[in-house]
Amino acid sequence: METPFVFGKIATEKNFTDRIEETATLVAHFQSLINTIIISPRRWGKSSLVNKAARLAMEQDERLRVCHIDLFNVRSEEHFYSLLAQRVIAATSTRWEEAVENAKRFFTRLVPKISISADPMNEVSIDFDWDDVKQNPDEVLDLAEKIACEKGLKIVVCVDEFQNISEFTNPGYFQKKLRSHWQQHQHVAYCLYGSKRHMMLEVFTDSSMPFYKFGNLMFLEKIATPHLVAFFHARFADTGKSITDEAAHLIALLADNHPYYAQQLAQLSWLRTQGECTAEVVHEAHEALVEQLSLLFVTVTETLTTQQLCYLKALIAGEKSISSTETMHRYRISSPTSITRSRAALVKNDILDNKAGEVSFQDPIYAYWLKTRYFR
């Protein structure tokens, strides 16, 4: 029997829960060709949301095509251009023969290097001579608009891990180049998102950055407890098992409504359940999850400075006024400046999230581990 809970990969169909309003908004944006920037901490289901909205939007509009690009392992402009061309052509071609034809047809100044896998069902790979691309990047950056105009299509280009363009040589210039082309497109829209929330905020909300006000900002929230509880009940029932209301609420509580951990803890609880899942089973699963991740947490913690750990200890203890003299003395924090530096570094390293001045842990299991294991 397959587990009814999914984490670490795209959640589809019954594995996808809630995000009703966000899905409807994103579908409308795709169909209306509105540029969209999705911002949230990592592992909150951005990719699953985009995938579902893309599928629904294309089902409702036969002229719409959505292509997906993941910049996770992309660290250069050269790789970016090849991937962009490859994905756009694949999304607008119904068979590999057409993809090859389009790759040749829509480039006049660039000569694409085309390779096809032994399996004809696999996508066509496209590459370019980097010196040629540096002289004529326009052909790649305007490819989607050109194809959309000629074929009477609407295209949405979804770019995951968009913040990785900051790793390129001269990232500021590259962003200006992208913006200057993409903002002129009338038949193509862009959906940009990534796992580094603080970097995405810097790119899209800093008025000095090229992508400032490039599109509508969508900030994802945690999934509400009632939706998670209903989801747990439904998925347990689908496999002939059940879960008590107390246990379902406990999973949401211990996971702090974090989409990834809610699915993972639910899975561990489901695996331990014969008939009905109880709160006792959930507690056992939660402790197992904490132990499972302990080595990772130790590794992360070893990278932190003493002052950062002092700040985290005060935060874990629920101190409201950490910069007060008494609190700093109690937790051996050297100065208010140290607090500011520690907080900024921890946010940059995706350990903390700073939302409108409210600081919280991105990883609820790590916070629990610190409280019950490390600082105990």
Protein backbone atom coordinates (compact mmCIF):
# COMPACT_ATOMS: atom_id res chain seq x y z
CA MET A 1 0.00 0.00 0.00
CA GLU A 2 1.38 3.40 -1.00
CA THR A 3 1.66 6.07 1.66
CA PRO A 4 -1.08 8.70 1.32
CA PHE A 5 1.24 11.57 2.22
CA VAL A 6 3.82 13.23 -0.03
CA PHE A 7 6.71 15.54 0.85
CA GLY A 8 9.94 16.48 -0.90
CA LYS A 9 8.32 16.35 -4.33
CA ILE A 10 5.44 17.92 -6.25
CA ALA A 11 2.09 17.28 -4.54
CA THR A 12 -0.71 16.59 -7.01
CA GLU A 13 -4.37 15.54 -6.99
CA LYS A 14 -5.36 14.19 -3.55
CA ASN A 15 -1.89 14.93 -2.14
CA PHE A 16 -2.48 18.66 -2.62
CA THR A 17 -4.44 20.41 0.11
CA ASP A 18 -5.95 23.89 0.53
CA ARG A 19 -4.39 26.85 -1.37
CA ILE A 20 -7.83 27.34 -2.93
CA GLU A 21 -7.63 31.13 -3.11
CA GLU A 22 -3.97 31.13 -4.16
CA THR A 23 -4.67 28.58 -6.89
CA ALA A 24 -7.61 30.59 -8.26
CA THR A 25 -5.53 33.78 -8.23
CA LEU A 26 -2.60 32.16 -9.98
CA VAL A 27 -4.82 30.56 -12.62
CA ALA A 28 -6.34 33.98 -13.34
CA HIS A 29 -2.87 35.53 -13.55
CA PHE A 30 -1.70 32.86 -15.99
CA GLN A 31 -4.74 33.25 -18.22
CA SER A 32 -4.51 37.05 -18.14
CA LEU A 33 -0.72 37.01 -18.63
CA ILE A 34 0.03 38.87 -15.41
CA ASN A 35 3.58 38.62 -14.12
CA THR A 36 3.60 37.01 -10.67
CA ILE A 37 6.23 36.72 -7.95
CA ILE A 38 5.61 34.10 -5.27
CA ILE A 39 7.41 34.61 -1.96
CA SER A 40 7.45 32.30 1.04
CA PRO A 41 9.94 30.36 3.16
CA ARG A 42 11.29 27.18 1.62
CA ARG A 43 9.28 23.96 1.52
CA TRP A 44 5.93 25.70 1.76
CA GLY A 45 4.61 24.18 -1.48
CA LYS A 46 5.35 26.89 -4.06
CA SER A 47 6.26 24.40 -6.79
CA SER A 48 3.17 22.28 -6.12
CA LEU A 49 0.98 25.39 -6.27
CA VAL A 50 2.50 26.55 -9.57
CA ASN A 51 2.21 23.06 -11.04
CA LYS A 52 -1.48 22.78 -10.15
CA ALA A 53 -2.34 26.29 -11.35
CA ALA A 54 -0.51 25.66 -14.64
CA ARG A 55 -2.43 22.45 -15.27
CA LEU A 56 -5.79 24.05 -14.50
CA ALA A 57 -5.05 27.16 -16.56
CA MET A 58 -4.09 25.13 -19.63
CA GLU A 59 -7.16 22.91 -19.26
CA GLN A 60 -9.35 26.04 -19.35
CA ASP A 61 -7.49 27.83 -22.18
CA GLU A 62 -6.35 25.77 -25.16
CA ARG A 63 -4.15 28.63 -26.41
CA LEU A 64 -2.13 28.76 -23.20
CA ARG A 65 1.24 27.05 -22.77
CA VAL A 66 3.22 26.96 -19.54
CA CYS A 67 6.89 26.05 -19.39
CA HIS A 68 8.80 25.33 -16.18
CA ILE A 69 12.44 26.19 -15.57
CA ASP A 70 14.38 25.22 -12.44
CA LEU A 71 17.55 27.21 -11.78
CA PHE A 72 18.63 25.02 -8.86
CA ASN A 73 21.85 23.92 -10.58
CA VAL A 74 22.19 26.90 -12.91
CA ARG A 75 25.07 29.22 -12.07
CA SER A 76 25.86 30.95 -15.37
CA GLU A 77 24.17 33.02 -18.06
CA GLU A 78 25.23 30.46 -20.65
CA HIS A 79 23.39 27.65 -18.90
CA PHE A 80 20.37 29.90 -18.34
CA TYR A 81 20.01 30.75 -22.03
CA SER A 82 20.25 27.11 -23.11
CA LEU A 83 17.69 26.02 -20.53
CA LEU A 84 15.29 28.85 -21.37
CA ALA A 85 15.38 28.05 -25.09
CA GLN A 86 15.00 24.33 -24.44
CA ARG A 87 12.01 24.66 -22.13
CA VAL A 88 10.17 27.24 -24.26
CA ILE A 89 10.54 25.14 -27.41
CA ALA A 90 9.50 21.95 -25.59
CA ALA A 91 6.39 23.64 -24.13
CA THR A 92 5.28 24.92 -27.55
CA SER A 93 5.96 21.75 -29.54
CA THR A 94 3.71 18.69 -29.64
CA ARG A 95 6.39 16.23 -30.77
CA TRP A 96 10.17 16.12 -30.91
CA GLU A 97 10.26 16.56 -34.68
CA GLU A 98 8.41 19.85 -34.30
CA ALA A 99 10.78 20.87 -31.51
CA VAL A 100 13.78 20.36 -33.78
CA GLU A 101 12.08 22.31 -36.55
CA ASN A 102 11.24 25.19 -34.20
CA ALA A 103 14.77 25.24 -32.80
CA LYS A 104 16.07 25.88 -36.31
CA ARG A 105 13.24 28.12 -37.45
CA PHE A 106 13.11 30.74 -34.70
CA PHE A 107 16.80 31.54 -34.59
CA THR A 108 18.24 33.66 -37.38
CA ARG A 109 21.51 34.91 -35.90
CA LEU A 110 22.24 32.05 -33.51
CA VAL A 111 22.97 28.51 -34.62
CA PRO A 112 21.51 26.10 -32.04
CA LYS A 113 23.30 22.83 -31.34
CA ILE A 114 20.52 20.24 -31.18
CA SER A 115 20.80 16.78 -29.67
CA ILE A 116 18.12 14.16 -29.16
CA SER A 117 18.08 11.33 -26.66
CA ALA A 118 17.94 7.74 -27.86
CA ASP A 119 14.43 7.71 -26.43
CA PRO A 120 12.31 9.84 -28.82
CA MET A 121 9.92 10.61 -25.97
CA ASN A 122 12.62 12.60 -24.18
CA GLU A 123 13.02 16.31 -24.74
CA VAL A 124 15.30 17.88 -27.28
CA SER A 125 18.50 19.36 -25.84
CA ILE A 126 19.57 22.77 -27.16
CA ASP A 127 22.90 24.50 -26.72
CA PHE A 128 24.67 27.49 -28.27
CA ASP A 129 28.11 28.82 -28.88
CA TRP A 130 28.58 31.09 -25.87
CA ASP A 131 30.45 33.75 -27.84
CA ASP A 132 27.51 34.02 -30.25
CA VAL A 133 24.98 34.28 -27.43
CA LYS A 134 26.95 37.05 -25.75
CA GLN A 135 26.66 39.01 -28.99
CA ASN A 136 22.99 38.18 -29.61
CA PRO A 137 21.15 37.37 -26.35
CA ASP A 138 17.97 39.01 -27.70
CA GLU A 139 17.05 35.95 -29.77
CA VAL A 140 16.87 33.75 -26.67
CA LEU A 141 15.26 36.30 -24.36
CA ASP A 142 12.57 37.13 -26.94
CA LEU A 143 12.06 33.54 -28.13
CA ALA A 144 8.84 32.94 -26.17
CA GLU A 145 7.29 36.20 -27.43
CA LYS A 146 8.27 35.42 -31.01
CA ILE A 147 6.78 31.91 -30.89
CA ALA A 148 3.62 33.15 -29.14
CA CYS A 149 3.03 35.81 -31.79
CA GLU A 150 3.60 33.49 -34.75
CA LYS A 151 1.59 30.56 -33.39
CA GLY A 152 -1.20 32.57 -31.81
CA LEU A 153 -0.37 31.31 -28.32
CA LYS A 154 -0.15 32.69 -24.80
CA ILE A 155 2.92 31.55 -22.87
CA VAL A 156 3.75 31.63 -19.19
CA VAL A 157 7.38 31.03 -18.22
CA CYS A 158 7.68 29.75 -14.63
CA VAL A 159 11.16 30.09 -13.12
CA ASP A 160 11.92 28.29 -9.86
CA GLU A 161 14.93 29.23 -7.68
CA PHE A 162 15.01 32.58 -9.48
CA GLN A 163 17.27 34.05 -6.79
CA ASN A 164 20.14 31.96 -8.17
CA ILE A 165 20.73 34.57 -10.86
CA SER A 166 22.58 36.43 -8.11
CA GLU A 167 25.33 33.80 -8.56
CA PHE A 168 25.92 34.84 -12.17
CA THR A 169 28.83 37.02 -13.21
CA ASN A 170 27.64 40.63 -12.98
CA PRO A 171 24.12 39.75 -11.75
CA GLY A 172 22.93 43.36 -11.69
CA TYR A 173 23.60 43.82 -15.39
CA PHE A 174 21.96 40.48 -16.18
CA GLN A 175 18.81 41.43 -14.26
CA LYS A 176 18.61 44.72 -16.18
CA LYS A 177 18.94 42.82 -19.43
CA LEU A 178 16.16 40.38 -18.48
CA ARG A 179 13.85 43.16 -17.32
CA SER A 180 14.39 45.27 -20.43
CA HIS A 181 13.23 42.38 -22.64
CA TRP A 182 10.57 40.71 -20.50
CA GLN A 183 8.68 43.90 -19.66
CA GLN A 184 8.01 44.47 -23.35
CA HIS A 185 6.41 41.07 -23.98
CA GLN A 186 2.67 41.23 -24.67
CA HIS A 187 1.95 37.53 -25.23
CA VAL A 188 4.19 36.10 -22.51
CA ALA A 189 4.02 36.35 -18.72
CA TYR A 190 6.52 35.29 -16.08
CA CYS A 191 6.00 33.55 -12.74
CA LEU A 192 9.12 33.85 -10.60
CA TYR A 193 9.68 32.14 -7.27
CA GLY A 194 12.40 30.60 -5.13
CA SER A 195 13.36 29.04 -1.81
CA LYS A 196 15.47 31.93 -0.48
CA ARG A 197 12.78 34.26 0.85
CA HIS A 198 15.11 37.07 1.97
CA MET A 199 16.87 37.11 -1.41
CA MET A 200 13.58 37.14 -3.31
CA LEU A 201 12.39 40.05 -1.20
CA GLU A 202 15.56 41.95 -1.98
CA VAL A 203 15.20 41.36 -5.73
CA PHE A 204 11.54 42.34 -5.98
CA THR A 205 10.87 44.85 -3.20
CA ASP A 206 14.04 46.95 -3.25
CA SER A 207 13.38 50.06 -5.36
CA SER A 208 17.01 50.10 -6.51
CA MET A 209 16.77 46.64 -8.09
CA PRO A 210 15.85 46.09 -11.78
CA PHE A 211 12.94 43.75 -11.00
CA TYR A 212 11.27 46.15 -8.56
CA LYS A 213 7.50 46.11 -9.23
CA PHE A 214 7.93 43.66 -12.08
CA GLY A 215 4.65 41.91 -11.24
CA ASN A 216 2.06 41.09 -8.60
CA LEU A 217 3.51 39.81 -5.34
CA MET A 218 1.93 36.72 -3.80
CA PHE A 219 2.96 35.95 -0.22
CA LEU A 220 2.08 32.39 0.83
CA GLU A 221 0.84 31.75 4.34
CA LYS A 222 0.90 28.53 6.33
CA ILE A 223 -1.99 26.14 5.74
CA ALA A 224 -4.75 26.70 8.31
CA THR A 225 -5.34 23.99 10.90
CA PRO A 226 -8.95 23.15 9.80
CA HIS A 227 -7.73 22.41 6.26
CA LEU A 228 -4.89 20.22 7.53
CA VAL A 229 -7.15 18.31 9.92
CA ALA A 230 -9.69 17.62 7.16
CA PHE A 231 -6.85 16.54 4.87
CA PHE A 232 -5.45 14.09 7.45
CA HIS A 233 -8.88 12.54 8.02
CA ALA A 234 -9.48 12.14 4.29
CA ARG A 235 -6.09 10.62 3.47
CA PHE A 236 -6.20 8.17 6.38
CA ALA A 237 -9.70 7.12 5.30
CA ASP A 238 -8.53 6.59 1.70
CA THR A 239 -6.27 3.80 2.94
CA GLY A 240 -8.76 2.15 5.27
CA LYS A 241 -7.35 3.73 8.42
CA SER A 242 -8.60 6.53 10.66
CA ILE A 243 -7.20 9.28 12.86
CA THR A 244 -8.74 10.91 15.92
CA ASP A 245 -9.45 14.64 15.94
CA GLU A 246 -6.96 15.03 18.77
CA ALA A 247 -4.22 13.32 16.77
CA ALA A 248 -4.97 15.29 13.60
CA HIS A 249 -4.81 18.59 15.48
CA LEU A 250 -1.62 17.45 17.22
CA ILE A 251 0.13 16.86 13.87
CA ALA A 252 -0.73 20.40 12.78
CA LEU A 253 0.45 21.77 16.14
CA LEU A 254 3.77 19.91 16.26
CA ALA A 255 4.50 20.75 12.61
CA ASP A 256 3.50 24.37 13.26
CA ASN A 257 1.27 24.13 10.16
CA HIS A 258 4.39 23.83 8.01
CA PRO A 259 3.21 22.11 4.77
CA TYR A 260 6.30 19.92 4.34
CA TYR A 261 6.55 18.78 7.95
CA ALA A 262 2.79 18.31 8.24
CA GLN A 263 2.96 15.78 5.41
CA GLN A 264 6.10 14.12 6.78
CA LEU A 265 4.78 13.79 10.33
CA ALA A 266 1.43 12.55 9.01
CA GLN A 267 3.27 9.91 6.98
CA LEU A 268 5.32 8.71 9.96
CA SER A 269 2.14 8.56 12.04
CA TRP A 270 0.30 6.68 9.30
CA LEU A 271 3.11 4.11 9.03
CA ARG A 272 2.81 3.44 12.78
CA THR A 273 -0.96 3.05 12.64
CA GLN A 274 -2.73 -0.29 12.31
CA GLY A 275 -6.32 0.89 12.61
CA GLU A 276 -6.77 4.26 14.30
CA CYS A 277 -4.05 6.87 14.77
CA THR A 278 -4.03 8.38 18.26
CA ALA A 279 -2.18 11.27 19.88
CA GLU A 280 0.23 8.76 21.44
CA VAL A 281 1.18 7.50 17.97
CA VAL A 282 1.74 11.06 16.76
CA HIS A 283 4.02 11.84 19.71
CA GLU A 284 6.06 8.71 18.94
CA ALA A 285 6.31 9.70 15.28
CA HIS A 286 7.33 13.24 16.20
CA GLU A 287 10.13 12.05 18.48
CA ALA A 288 11.33 9.71 15.73
CA LEU A 289 11.37 12.60 13.27
CA VAL A 290 13.39 14.76 15.65
CA GLU A 291 15.92 11.98 16.17
CA GLN A 292 16.07 11.34 12.43
CA LEU A 293 17.04 14.96 11.79
CA SER A 294 19.32 15.39 14.81
CA LEU A 295 22.58 14.86 12.92
CA LEU A 296 21.56 17.47 10.34
CA PHE A 297 20.64 19.90 13.11
CA VAL A 298 23.98 19.34 14.86
CA THR A 299 25.78 20.16 11.61
CA VAL A 300 23.75 23.34 11.14
CA THR A 301 24.27 24.44 14.74
CA GLU A 302 28.03 23.96 14.54
CA THR A 303 28.18 26.69 11.88
CA LEU A 304 26.64 29.30 14.21
CA THR A 305 28.62 31.78 16.28
CA THR A 306 28.37 31.98 20.06
CA GLN A 307 26.42 35.24 19.87
CA GLN A 308 23.99 33.77 17.34
CA LEU A 309 23.36 30.82 19.66
CA CYS A 310 22.83 33.19 22.60
CA TYR A 311 20.26 35.09 20.55
CA LEU A 312 18.49 31.86 19.51
CA LYS A 313 18.39 30.70 23.14
CA ALA A 314 16.64 33.91 24.15
CA LEU A 315 14.24 33.58 21.23
CA ILE A 316 13.47 29.95 22.08
CA ALA A 317 12.76 30.97 25.68
CA GLY A 318 10.10 33.36 24.42
CA GLU A 319 11.84 36.56 25.50
CA LYS A 320 9.92 39.56 24.17
CA SER A 321 12.46 42.26 24.91
CA ILE A 322 15.78 40.65 24.02
CA SER A 323 17.59 44.00 23.75
CA SER A 324 16.87 44.89 27.38
CA THR A 325 19.92 45.02 29.64
CA GLU A 326 18.56 42.32 31.93
CA THR A 327 17.82 39.88 29.09
CA MET A 328 21.15 40.45 27.36
CA HIS A 329 22.94 39.81 30.65
CA ARG A 330 20.91 36.64 31.29
CA TYR A 331 21.73 35.17 27.88
CA ARG A 332 25.26 36.60 27.64
CA ILE A 333 24.50 38.74 24.61
CA SER A 334 27.23 41.36 24.22
CA SER A 335 25.23 44.31 22.85
CA PRO A 336 22.12 45.42 20.89
CA THR A 337 24.37 45.59 17.82
CA SER A 338 25.18 41.92 18.28
CA ILE A 339 21.46 41.15 18.30
CA THR A 340 20.99 43.00 15.02
CA ARG A 341 23.95 41.24 13.40
CA SER A 342 22.90 37.81 14.66
CA ARG A 343 19.32 38.24 13.50
CA ALA A 344 20.41 39.40 10.03
CA ALA A 345 22.83 36.48 9.64
CA LEU A 346 20.25 33.92 10.79
CA VAL A 347 17.66 35.29 8.37
CA LYS A 348 20.21 35.24 5.54
CA ASN A 349 21.01 31.60 6.32
CA ASP A 350 17.29 30.69 6.28
CA ILE A 351 17.21 29.70 9.93
CA LEU A 352 14.91 32.55 10.92
CA ASP A 353 12.20 34.40 9.05
CA ASN A 354 11.60 38.11 9.62
CA LYS A 355 8.11 39.03 8.48
CA ALA A 356 7.18 42.64 9.19
CA GLY A 357 9.43 42.67 12.23
CA GLU A 358 8.08 39.40 13.62
CA VAL A 359 10.93 36.90 13.91
CA SER A 360 10.20 33.17 13.81
CA PHE A 361 11.94 29.90 13.02
CA GLN A 362 11.62 28.65 9.46
CA ASP A 363 12.02 25.06 10.62
CA PRO A 364 9.70 24.14 13.52
CA ILE A 365 11.42 20.80 14.08
CA TYR A 366 14.79 22.51 14.43
CA ALA A 367 13.26 24.94 16.94
CA TYR A 368 11.91 21.99 18.93
CA TRP A 369 15.30 20.24 18.78
CA LEU A 370 17.08 23.34 20.06
CA LYS A 371 14.62 23.72 22.92
CA THR A 372 14.46 20.08 24.05
CA ARG A 373 17.91 18.79 23.10
CA TYR A 374 20.56 21.46 22.54
CA PHE A 375 19.62 24.15 25.08
CA ARG A 376 18.20 21.76 27.64
